[in-house]
C-alpha atoms as a PDB file:
ATOM      1  CA  MET A   1     -11.478   7.822  13.557  1.00  0.00           C
ATOM      2  CA  THR A   2      -8.571   5.921  15.279  1.00  0.00           C
ATOM      3  CA  VAL A   3      -7.512   2.737  13.905  1.00  0.00           C
ATOM      4  CA  GLU A   4      -6.021   0.114  16.881  1.00  0.00           C
ATOM      5  CA  ASN A   5      -4.973  -2.879  14.944  1.00  0.00           C
ATOM      6  CA  ASN A   6      -3.537  -1.489  11.546  1.00  0.00           C
ATOM      7  CA  THR A   7      -1.896  -3.844   8.638  1.00  0.00           C
ATOM      8  CA  TYR A   8       1.611  -1.922   8.363  1.00  0.00           C
ATOM      9  CA  ILE A   9       2.711  -1.315   4.635  1.00  0.00           C
ATOM     10  CA  TYR A  10       6.495  -0.553   4.134  1.00  0.00           C
ATOM     11  CA  LEU A  11       8.800   0.737   1.086  1.00  0.00           C
ATOM     12  CA  SER A  12      11.735  -1.512   0.454  1.00  0.00           C
ATOM     13  CA  ASN A  13      14.054   1.223   1.601  1.00  0.00           C
ATOM     14  CA  GLY A  14      12.460   0.360   5.401  1.00  0.00           C
ATOM     15  CA  PHE A  15      10.629   3.473   5.865  1.00  0.00           C
ATOM     16  CA  TYR A  16       6.602   3.376   7.041  1.00  0.00           C
ATOM     17  CA  PHE A  17       4.698   4.007   4.200  1.00  0.00           C
ATOM     18  CA  GLY A  18       1.122   3.532   5.673  1.00  0.00           C
ATOM     19  CA  PHE A  19      -1.449   1.185   6.708  1.00  0.00           C
ATOM     20  CA  ILE A  20      -4.798  -1.057   5.756  1.00  0.00           C
ATOM     21  CA  SER A  21      -7.874  -0.906   7.187  1.00  0.00           C
ATOM     22  CA  ASN A  22     -10.968  -2.067   6.120  1.00  0.00           C
ATOM     23  CA  GLY A  23      -9.888  -2.952   2.740  1.00  0.00           C
ATOM     24  CA  PHE A  24      -8.430   0.479   2.264  1.00  0.00           C
ATOM     25  CA  LEU A  25      -5.164   1.661   1.932  1.00  0.00           C
ATOM     26  CA  TYR A  26      -4.072   4.832   3.795  1.00  0.00           C
ATOM     27  CA  SER A  27      -0.725   6.941   3.845  1.00  0.00           C
ATOM     28  CA  HIS A  28       1.375   7.249   7.154  1.00  0.00           C
ATOM     29  CA  ASN A  29      -0.729  10.172   8.108  1.00  0.00           C
ATOM     30  CA  GLY A  30      -4.598   8.641   7.223  1.00  0.00           C
ATOM     31  CA  ILE A  31      -5.000   9.962   3.815  1.00  0.00           C
ATOM     32  CA  CYS A  32      -6.933   7.335   1.736  1.00  0.00           C
ATOM     33  CA  LEU A  33      -5.018   6.340  -1.017  1.00  0.00           C
ATOM     34  CA  GLY A  34      -6.774   3.497  -2.565  1.00  0.00           C
ATOM     35  CA  TRP A  35      -8.598   0.034  -1.780  1.00  0.00           C
ATOM     36  CA  LEU A  36      -7.893  -3.475  -1.668  1.00  0.00           C
ATOM     37  CA  GLU A  37      -9.538  -6.516  -3.914  1.00  0.00           C
ATOM     38  CA  GLY A  38      -7.946  -9.505  -2.423  1.00  0.00           C
ATOM     39  CA  LYS A  39      -4.000  -9.101  -2.810  1.00  0.00           C
ATOM     40  CA  PHE A  40      -4.685  -6.275  -5.651  1.00  0.00           C
ATOM     41  CA  VAL A  41      -4.217  -2.202  -4.872  1.00  0.00           C
ATOM     42  CA  TRP A  42      -6.463   0.542  -6.550  1.00  0.00           C
ATOM     43  CA  ASP A  43      -5.754   3.971  -6.208  1.00  0.00           C
ATOM     44  CA  LEU A  44      -8.854   6.101  -5.811  1.00  0.00           C
ATOM     45  CA  GLU A  45      -8.847   6.963  -9.309  1.00  0.00           C
ATOM     46  CA  GLY A  46      -9.093   3.096 -10.148  1.00  0.00           C
ATOM     47  CA  LYS A  47      -5.735   2.588 -11.407  1.00  0.00           C
ATOM     48  CA  PHE A  48      -3.849  -0.412 -10.704  1.00  0.00           C
ATOM     49  CA  ARG A  49      -0.838  -0.073  -8.110  1.00  0.00           C
ATOM     50  CA  GLY A  50       0.135  -2.887  -7.290  1.00  0.00           C
ATOM     51  CA  THR A  51       0.162  -6.132  -5.191  1.00  0.00           C
ATOM     52  CA  ILE A  52       0.379  -6.728  -1.443  1.00  0.00           C
ATOM     53  CA  ALA A  53       3.707  -8.860  -1.035  1.00  0.00           C
ATOM     54  CA  GLU A  54       5.450 -10.494   2.463  1.00  0.00           C
ATOM     55  CA  LEU A  55       8.928 -10.137   2.771  1.00  0.00           C
ATOM     56  CA  GLY A  56      10.513 -11.488   5.995  1.00  0.00           C
ATOM     57  CA  GLY A  57       7.374 -10.932   7.610  1.00  0.00           C
ATOM     58  CA  ASN A  58       6.630  -7.182   6.478  1.00  0.00           C
ATOM     59  CA  LYS A  59       4.232  -6.018   4.071  1.00  0.00           C
ATOM     60  CA  TYR A  60       4.927  -4.061   0.811  1.00  0.00           C
ATOM     61  CA  ILE A  61       3.036  -3.203  -2.306  1.00  0.00           C
ATOM     62  CA  LEU A  62       4.876  -4.172  -5.464  1.00  0.00           C
ATOM     63  CA  LYS A  63       4.517  -3.853  -8.697  1.00  0.00           C
ATOM     64  CA  GLN A  64       6.118  -5.866 -11.476  1.00  0.00           C
ATOM     65  CA  ARG A  65       8.347  -3.465 -13.948  1.00  0.00           C
ATOM     66  CA  PHE A  66       7.967  -5.462 -17.068  1.00  0.00           C
ATOM     67  CA  GLY A  67       4.495  -6.519 -16.749  1.00  0.00           C
ATOM     68  CA  LEU A  68       1.189  -5.572 -18.198  1.00  0.00           C
ATOM     69  CA  SER A  69      -1.184  -3.991 -15.544  1.00  0.00           C
ATOM     70  CA  PRO A  70      -4.595  -5.094 -15.046  1.00  0.00           C
ATOM     71  CA  ILE A  71      -7.585  -2.606 -16.982  1.00  0.00           C
ATOM     72  CA  SER A  72      -8.774   0.221 -14.587  1.00  0.00           C
ATOM     73  CA  ARG A  73     -11.448   0.012 -12.285  1.00  0.00           C
ATOM     74  CA  PRO A  74     -14.254   2.530 -11.688  1.00  0.00           C
ATOM     75  CA  ALA A  75     -13.156   5.618  -9.683  1.00  0.00           C
ATOM     76  CA  ARG A  76     -14.132   5.633  -6.053  1.00  0.00           C
ATOM     77  CA  GLY A  77     -15.295   8.878  -4.486  1.00  0.00           C
ATOM     78  CA  PRO A  78     -13.859  10.321  -1.448  1.00  0.00           C
ATOM     79  CA  VAL A  79     -13.176   8.533   1.298  1.00  0.00           C
ATOM     80  CA  ALA A  80     -12.623  10.072   4.575  1.00  0.00           C
ATOM     81  CA  SER A  81      -9.188  10.152   5.973  1.00  0.00           C
ATOM     82  CA  ILE A  82      -8.521   8.452   9.711  1.00  0.00           C
ATOM     83  CA  THR A  83      -5.764   9.018  12.190  1.00  0.00           C
ATOM     84  CA  PRO A  84      -3.935   5.683  12.868  1.00  0.00           C
ATOM     85  CA  ALA A  85      -3.012   4.948  16.906  1.00  0.00           C
ATOM     86  CA  SER A  86       0.266   5.149  16.354  1.00  0.00           C
ATOM     87  CA  PRO A  87       2.948   5.004  13.246  1.00  0.00           C
ATOM     88  CA  ALA A  88       5.131   1.969  12.599  1.00  0.00           C
ATOM     89  CA  PRO A  89       8.631   2.338  13.318  1.00  0.00           C
ATOM     90  CA  ASN A  90      10.940   2.239  10.219  1.00  0.00           C
ATOM     91  CA  ILE A  91      12.332  -1.477   9.649  1.00  0.00           C
ATOM     92  CA  LYS A  92      15.392  -2.644   7.916  1.00  0.00           C
ATOM     93  CA  PRO A  93      15.866  -2.071   4.071  1.00  0.00           C
ATOM     94  CA  VAL A  94      14.898  -5.033   1.750  1.00  0.00           C
ATOM     95  CA  ASN A  95      16.934  -5.869  -1.449  1.00  0.00           C
ATOM     96  CA  LEU A  96      13.880  -6.524  -4.113  1.00  0.00           C
ATOM     97  CA  PRO A  97      14.071  -8.558  -7.302  1.00  0.00           C
ATOM     98  CA  VAL A  98      15.100  -6.692 -10.509  1.00  0.00           C
ATOM     99  CA  GLU A  99      11.636  -7.301 -11.906  1.00  0.00           C
ATOM    100  CA  VAL A 100       9.526  -5.392  -8.916  1.00  0.00           C
ATOM    101  CA  VAL A 101       9.376  -1.813  -7.469  1.00  0.00           C
ATOM    102  CA  ASP A 102       7.913  -0.396  -5.093  1.00  0.00           C
ATOM    103  CA  ALA A 103       4.219   0.664  -6.440  1.00  0.00           C
ATOM    104  CA  PHE A 104       4.027   4.086  -4.718  1.00  0.00           C
ATOM    105  CA  THR A 105       7.349   5.272  -5.560  1.00  0.00           C
ATOM    106  CA  SER A 106       7.510   4.871  -9.340  1.00  0.00           C
END
């Protein structure tokens, strides 16, 4: 399956990380990493990974460095991989506030 209208996700260093499609988060190469509940992102094991944030018109998944994470959710079974129509280009890096970090690099 190819996805045409993606919500692209970036890391704070400007690198394209992946995309959101139909309520699921996929890596840049189409592997399902988790799902969304509103602005919250969970990995497939049910562990809270972070919150969708928009900075400068681009979307990131960020996690509070010093906060408590919500209680884990039940794991979700394997979700089929999909192929994005075309990868997003990398963008200019952003400076994150001290209290947050990229959710998938820490």
